[in-house]
Structures are given as C-alpha cells and as structure tokens.
Amino acid sequence: MAKLLYAFSCSVDGFIAGPGGDMSWLTPHLGPDPLVDELIPRIGALLVGRRTFGGDDPHRGTEAAGKPFGGGWEGPQFVLTHHAPEPVPGITFVDDLADAVTAAKEAAGDKYVNVLGADVARQCLEAGVLDEILALPVPVLLGDGVRMFDRPGGDPVGLEPLRPNWYRVG
C-alpha cells in the first residue's frame, strides 16, 4: 500500500519558499541529484496543496515550467482545495483531506504519494497519515518565507532516521 512522503528542498534555515512563495532561490541549485533521481520512479501520485499548485515555479521560463520535478515525473495529481479552478487534464481537485489521501493512495498503488506544500504536509501530519519525510537541504540561508513545517504551539514530533535526510514519522 502507498505511503505518504513529504519530500522537499529547503534552505538550511528551514524555508521551502521565499517571501510570498518565491521559488526563484532554488533555480541555481536545480540539477542532477542522485537521491531525487532514485525517488522519482518510486512516486505513484502527488498530493499537492492549492498554494503550491498555483504558486511560483523554479523552472519558470524553461520548457520544464509547470511540470512536476521539472518534467522528470508524470502521473496522477490530487490538489487539496476548497476553491477548485476550471478542470485541468491529469489533475483532480479534492476538497477534503481524507478523500484526497484515499484517492492519491489508490492511484499510487504500492509507490509513494509525494506530498507537495507545507500546509498540506502539516495537515497530513496532524491527521496521522504522513508516513515519511525526506528533507533535501540546499546551501543557502533565506531568512524569511514559507517554513517547511510551521505549527506554532505544537508539540514536538518524533522522527526515526531511515537514512541520511530521510525519516519515518512517529
């Protein structure tokens, strides 16, 4: 059965996007990464937050713009939103987290559902459905922006190391 994986690139100070969701900070750091190359074929579906779906793209201005992993992955995408836009081929808009998780896991089969977006990842964690986390630190300090995980007043969450930068939740 599919597992939910929150895999993300982040600045060393813990931001996945700059102020206003700006992703241009990541553009100079895109390129071959053995861990990402190993992960991509293991992803069966994406569970994407609405802001991430409609947000900035580090591949902006290239042929890879708007494509998951810069065009390195294709498959079913489920966007969690209460305000679905007009239909988009290959993308399912879902307004309930449990329904989105169920649909994405069914679509992924025995592969990962890769969670994209800090808020949807937080929701998955709080719902107890997030299985693993893969943090890919990038050698830059942003100082401000969208934190990879933000839960003010929340309790610590224990993680079990699986391998470098890869953890099992709880």
C-alpha atoms as a PDB file:
ATOM      1  CA  MET A   1       0.000   0.000   0.000  1.00  0.00           C
ATOM      2  CA  ALA A   2       1.157   3.520  -0.744  1.00  0.00           C
ATOM      3  CA  LYS A   3       2.877   5.648   1.876  1.00  0.00           C
ATOM      4  CA  LEU A   4       2.667   9.423   2.183  1.00  0.00           C
ATOM      5  CA  LEU A   5       6.068  11.069   1.867  1.00  0.00           C
ATOM      6  CA  TYR A   6       6.719  14.763   2.419  1.00  0.00           C
ATOM      7  CA  ALA A   7       9.802  15.267   0.239  1.00  0.00           C
ATOM      8  CA  PHE A   8      11.052  18.814  -0.196  1.00  0.00           C
ATOM      9  CA  SER A   9      14.037  21.017  -0.855  1.00  0.00           C
ATOM     10  CA  CYS A  10      14.644  23.645   1.788  1.00  0.00           C
ATOM     11  CA  SER A  11      17.126  26.306   2.718  1.00  0.00           C
ATOM     12  CA  VAL A  12      19.433  25.428   5.579  1.00  0.00           C
ATOM     13  CA  ASP A  13      17.331  27.730   7.782  1.00  0.00           C
ATOM     14  CA  GLY A  14      14.183  25.721   7.005  1.00  0.00           C
ATOM     15  CA  PHE A  15      12.291  27.557   4.259  1.00  0.00           C
ATOM     16  CA  ILE A  16      10.790  25.776   1.224  1.00  0.00           C
ATOM     17  CA  ALA A  17       9.905  29.065  -0.481  1.00  0.00           C
ATOM     18  CA  GLY A  18      10.933  32.663  -0.090  1.00  0.00           C
ATOM     19  CA  PRO A  19       8.644  35.541   0.871  1.00  0.00           C
ATOM     20  CA  GLY A  20       5.343  35.418  -0.997  1.00  0.00           C
ATOM     21  CA  GLY A  21       6.043  31.844  -2.144  1.00  0.00           C
ATOM     22  CA  ASP A  22       9.008  32.889  -4.337  1.00  0.00           C
ATOM     23  CA  MET A  23      10.809  29.806  -5.660  1.00  0.00           C
ATOM     24  CA  SER A  24      13.489  31.605  -7.688  1.00  0.00           C
ATOM     25  CA  TRP A  25      16.008  30.999  -4.878  1.00  0.00           C
ATOM     26  CA  LEU A  26      16.015  27.311  -5.853  1.00  0.00           C
ATOM     27  CA  THR A  27      16.725  27.785  -9.582  1.00  0.00           C
ATOM     28  CA  PRO A  28      20.547  27.975  -9.293  1.00  0.00           C
ATOM     29  CA  HIS A  29      20.532  24.753  -7.267  1.00  0.00           C
ATOM     30  CA  LEU A  30      18.473  22.623  -9.662  1.00  0.00           C
ATOM     31  CA  GLY A  31      20.261  19.822 -11.378  1.00  0.00           C
ATOM     32  CA  PRO A  32      21.102  16.163 -11.077  1.00  0.00           C
ATOM     33  CA  ASP A  33      20.673  14.755  -7.576  1.00  0.00           C
ATOM     34  CA  PRO A  34      21.146  11.008  -7.040  1.00  0.00           C
ATOM     35  CA  LEU A  35      18.633  10.885  -4.189  1.00  0.00           C
ATOM     36  CA  VAL A  36      15.952  12.681  -6.213  1.00  0.00           C
ATOM     37  CA  ASP A  37      16.732  10.517  -9.246  1.00  0.00           C
ATOM     38  CA  GLU A  38      16.245   7.439  -7.042  1.00  0.00           C
ATOM     39  CA  LEU A  39      12.997   8.793  -5.579  1.00  0.00           C
ATOM     40  CA  ILE A  40      11.187   9.867  -8.764  1.00  0.00           C
ATOM     41  CA  PRO A  41      10.414   6.359 -10.095  1.00  0.00           C
ATOM     42  CA  ARG A  42       9.111   5.419  -6.637  1.00  0.00           C
ATOM     43  CA  ILE A  43       6.407   8.123  -6.734  1.00  0.00           C
ATOM     44  CA  GLY A  44       2.978   6.947  -7.851  1.00  0.00           C
ATOM     45  CA  ALA A  45       0.939  10.099  -7.216  1.00  0.00           C
ATOM     46  CA  LEU A  46       1.210  13.646  -5.921  1.00  0.00           C
ATOM     47  CA  LEU A  47      -0.888  15.244  -3.178  1.00  0.00           C
ATOM     48  CA  VAL A  48      -0.474  18.965  -3.694  1.00  0.00           C
ATOM     49  CA  GLY A  49      -1.604  21.974  -1.697  1.00  0.00           C
ATOM     50  CA  ARG A  50      -3.550  24.663  -3.562  1.00  0.00           C
ATOM     51  CA  ARG A  51      -0.943  27.370  -2.985  1.00  0.00           C
ATOM     52  CA  THR A  52       1.795  25.079  -4.235  1.00  0.00           C
ATOM     53  CA  PHE A  53      -0.267  24.098  -7.279  1.00  0.00           C
ATOM     54  CA  GLY A  54      -0.889  27.720  -8.244  1.00  0.00           C
ATOM     55  CA  GLY A  55       2.384  29.102  -6.950  1.00  0.00           C
ATOM     56  CA  ASP A  56       5.764  30.062  -8.271  1.00  0.00           C
ATOM     57  CA  ASP A  57       7.887  27.586 -10.232  1.00  0.00           C
ATOM     58  CA  PRO A  58      11.705  27.382 -10.052  1.00  0.00           C
ATOM     59  CA  HIS A  59      11.612  26.185 -13.679  1.00  0.00           C
ATOM     60  CA  ARG A  60       9.756  29.335 -14.804  1.00  0.00           C
ATOM     61  CA  GLY A  61      10.829  30.450 -18.251  1.00  0.00           C
ATOM     62  CA  THR A  62      12.001  26.998 -19.349  1.00  0.00           C
ATOM     63  CA  GLU A  63      10.381  24.032 -21.093  1.00  0.00           C
ATOM     64  CA  ALA A  64      10.198  22.364 -17.660  1.00  0.00           C
ATOM     65  CA  ALA A  65       7.878  25.048 -16.226  1.00  0.00           C
ATOM     66  CA  GLY A  66       4.697  23.699 -14.676  1.00  0.00           C
ATOM     67  CA  LYS A  67       5.843  20.092 -14.771  1.00  0.00           C
ATOM     68  CA  PRO A  68       6.485  18.038 -11.613  1.00  0.00           C
ATOM     69  CA  PHE A  69      10.171  17.603 -10.965  1.00  0.00           C
ATOM     70  CA  GLY A  70      10.870  19.789 -13.983  1.00  0.00           C
ATOM     71  CA  GLY A  71       9.296  17.224 -16.285  1.00  0.00           C
ATOM     72  CA  GLY A  72      11.033  14.256 -14.667  1.00  0.00           C
ATOM     73  CA  TRP A  73       7.771  12.742 -13.404  1.00  0.00           C
ATOM     74  CA  GLU A  74       4.310  12.189 -14.837  1.00  0.00           C
ATOM     75  CA  GLY A  75       1.264  10.731 -13.153  1.00  0.00           C
ATOM     76  CA  PRO A  76      -1.887  11.458 -11.208  1.00  0.00           C
ATOM     77  CA  GLN A  77      -2.037  14.629  -9.154  1.00  0.00           C
ATOM     78  CA  PHE A  78      -4.546  15.446  -6.445  1.00  0.00           C
ATOM     79  CA  VAL A  79      -4.824  19.074  -5.373  1.00  0.00           C
ATOM     80  CA  LEU A  80      -6.375  19.785  -1.988  1.00  0.00           C
ATOM     81  CA  THR A  81      -8.503  22.932  -2.282  1.00  0.00           C
ATOM     82  CA  HIS A  82     -11.850  24.380  -1.277  1.00  0.00           C
ATOM     83  CA  HIS A  83     -11.877  26.538  -4.419  1.00  0.00           C
ATOM     84  CA  ALA A  84     -11.261  24.344  -7.440  1.00  0.00           C
ATOM     85  CA  PRO A  85     -10.389  26.160 -10.661  1.00  0.00           C
ATOM     86  CA  GLU A  86     -11.553  25.078 -14.093  1.00  0.00           C
ATOM     87  CA  PRO A  87     -10.667  21.422 -14.829  1.00  0.00           C
ATOM     88  CA  VAL A  88      -7.053  20.685 -15.714  1.00  0.00           C
ATOM     89  CA  PRO A  89      -6.174  17.442 -17.553  1.00  0.00           C
ATOM     90  CA  GLY A  90      -4.486  14.893 -15.280  1.00  0.00           C
ATOM     91  CA  ILE A  91      -5.314  16.810 -12.102  1.00  0.00           C
ATOM     92  CA  THR A  92      -8.077  16.001  -9.642  1.00  0.00           C
ATOM     93  CA  PHE A  93      -9.243  18.736  -7.281  1.00  0.00           C
ATOM     94  CA  VAL A  94     -10.452  17.445  -3.908  1.00  0.00           C
ATOM     95  CA  ASP A  95     -11.886  19.500  -1.042  1.00  0.00           C
ATOM     96  CA  ASP A  96     -11.434  17.008   1.803  1.00  0.00           C
ATOM     97  CA  LEU A  97      -8.082  15.805   3.157  1.00  0.00           C
ATOM     98  CA  ALA A  98      -9.237  12.248   3.905  1.00  0.00           C
ATOM     99  CA  ASP A  99     -10.767  11.899   0.439  1.00  0.00           C
ATOM    100  CA  ALA A 100      -7.640  13.338  -1.185  1.00  0.00           C
ATOM    101  CA  VAL A 101      -5.351  10.964   0.729  1.00  0.00           C
ATOM    102  CA  THR A 102      -7.526   7.946  -0.096  1.00  0.00           C
ATOM    103  CA  ALA A 103      -7.683   8.802  -3.804  1.00  0.00           C
ATOM    104  CA  ALA A 104      -3.957   9.550  -4.037  1.00  0.00           C
ATOM    105  CA  LYS A 105      -3.025   6.314  -2.244  1.00  0.00           C
ATOM    106  CA  GLU A 106      -5.280   4.280  -4.530  1.00  0.00           C
ATOM    107  CA  ALA A 107      -3.714   5.919  -7.574  1.00  0.00           C
ATOM    108  CA  ALA A 108      -0.168   5.396  -6.268  1.00  0.00           C
ATOM    109  CA  GLY A 109      -0.587   1.657  -5.747  1.00  0.00           C
ATOM    110  CA  ASP A 110       2.476   0.390  -3.912  1.00  0.00           C
ATOM    111  CA  LYS A 111       4.501   3.549  -4.597  1.00  0.00           C
ATOM    112  CA  TYR A 112       4.758   6.803  -2.660  1.00  0.00           C
ATOM    113  CA  VAL A 113       2.272   9.626  -2.603  1.00  0.00           C
ATOM    114  CA  ASN A 114       4.592  12.619  -2.604  1.00  0.00           C
ATOM    115  CA  VAL A 115       3.137  15.499  -0.607  1.00  0.00           C
ATOM    116  CA  LEU A 116       3.925  18.949  -2.018  1.00  0.00           C
ATOM    117  CA  GLY A 117       3.242  22.009   0.096  1.00  0.00           C
ATOM    118  CA  ALA A 118       3.951  22.895   3.701  1.00  0.00           C
ATOM    119  CA  ASP A 119       0.332  23.374   4.752  1.00  0.00           C
ATOM    120  CA  VAL A 120      -0.957  20.122   3.271  1.00  0.00           C
ATOM    121  CA  ALA A 121       2.029  18.310   4.838  1.00  0.00           C
ATOM    122  CA  ARG A 122       1.134  19.820   8.224  1.00  0.00           C
ATOM    123  CA  GLN A 123      -2.480  18.721   7.767  1.00  0.00           C
ATOM    124  CA  CYS A 124      -1.351  15.193   6.906  1.00  0.00           C
ATOM    125  CA  LEU A 125       0.904  15.092   9.959  1.00  0.00           C
ATOM    126  CA  GLU A 126      -1.866  16.319  12.254  1.00  0.00           C
ATOM    127  CA  ALA A 127      -4.281  13.761  10.767  1.00  0.00           C
ATOM    128  CA  GLY A 128      -1.760  10.993  11.437  1.00  0.00           C
ATOM    129  CA  VAL A 129      -1.453   9.962   7.782  1.00  0.00           C
ATOM    130  CA  LEU A 130       2.075  11.211   6.983  1.00  0.00           C
ATOM    131  CA  ASP A 131       4.486   8.257   6.961  1.00  0.00           C
ATOM    132  CA  GLU A 132       7.889   9.626   5.975  1.00  0.00           C
ATOM    133  CA  ILE A 133       9.807  12.866   5.487  1.00  0.00           C
ATOM    134  CA  LEU A 134      12.719  13.485   3.124  1.00  0.00           C
ATOM    135  CA  ALA A 135      14.487  16.805   3.662  1.00  0.00           C
ATOM    136  CA  LEU A 136      16.837  17.959   0.907  1.00  0.00           C
ATOM    137  CA  PRO A 137      18.766  20.922   2.320  1.00  0.00           C
ATOM    138  CA  VAL A 138      20.105  23.474  -0.139  1.00  0.00           C
ATOM    139  CA  PRO A 139      23.200  25.522   0.794  1.00  0.00           C
ATOM    140  CA  VAL A 140      21.505  28.891   1.196  1.00  0.00           C
ATOM    141  CA  LEU A 141      20.001  30.898   4.076  1.00  0.00           C
ATOM    142  CA  LEU A 142      16.770  32.617   3.031  1.00  0.00           C
ATOM    143  CA  GLY A 143      15.955  34.304   6.339  1.00  0.00           C
ATOM    144  CA  ASP A 144      12.229  34.551   5.547  1.00  0.00           C
ATOM    145  CA  GLY A 145       9.487  32.828   3.599  1.00  0.00           C
ATOM    146  CA  VAL A 146       7.401  29.675   3.830  1.00  0.00           C
ATOM    147  CA  ARG A 147       8.721  27.338   6.508  1.00  0.00           C
ATOM    148  CA  MET A 148       8.986  23.659   5.652  1.00  0.00           C
ATOM    149  CA  PHE A 149       6.969  22.936   8.769  1.00  0.00           C
ATOM    150  CA  ASP A 150       5.157  25.521  10.837  1.00  0.00           C
ATOM    151  CA  ARG A 151       2.977  24.585  13.780  1.00  0.00           C
ATOM    152  CA  PRO A 152       3.156  27.354  16.404  1.00  0.00           C
ATOM    153  CA  GLY A 153       2.431  25.971  19.858  1.00  0.00           C
ATOM    154  CA  GLY A 154       2.538  22.418  18.522  1.00  0.00           C
ATOM    155  CA  ASP A 155       4.167  19.550  20.346  1.00  0.00           C
ATOM    156  CA  PRO A 156       7.427  18.046  19.104  1.00  0.00           C
ATOM    157  CA  VAL A 157       7.063  15.192  16.628  1.00  0.00           C
ATOM    158  CA  GLY A 158       9.485  12.300  16.965  1.00  0.00           C
ATOM    159  CA  LEU A 159      11.172  11.070  13.792  1.00  0.00           C
ATOM    160  CA  GLU A 160      13.060   7.827  13.258  1.00  0.00           C
ATOM    161  CA  PRO A 161      16.059   8.119  10.926  1.00  0.00           C
ATOM    162  CA  LEU A 162      15.840   5.731   7.976  1.00  0.00           C
ATOM    163  CA  ARG A 163      18.908   7.041   6.144  1.00  0.00           C
ATOM    164  CA  PRO A 164      20.536  10.477   5.793  1.00  0.00           C
ATOM    165  CA  ASN A 165      17.844  13.184   5.485  1.00  0.00           C
ATOM    166  CA  TRP A 166      15.065  10.514   5.374  1.00  0.00           C
ATOM    167  CA  TYR A 167      12.834   9.875   8.389  1.00  0.00           C
ATOM    168  CA  ARG A 168       9.844   7.819   9.480  1.00  0.00           C
ATOM    169  CA  VAL A 169       7.201   9.831  11.338  1.00  0.00           C
ATOM    170  CA  GLY A 170       6.419   8.841  14.929  1.00  0.00           C
END
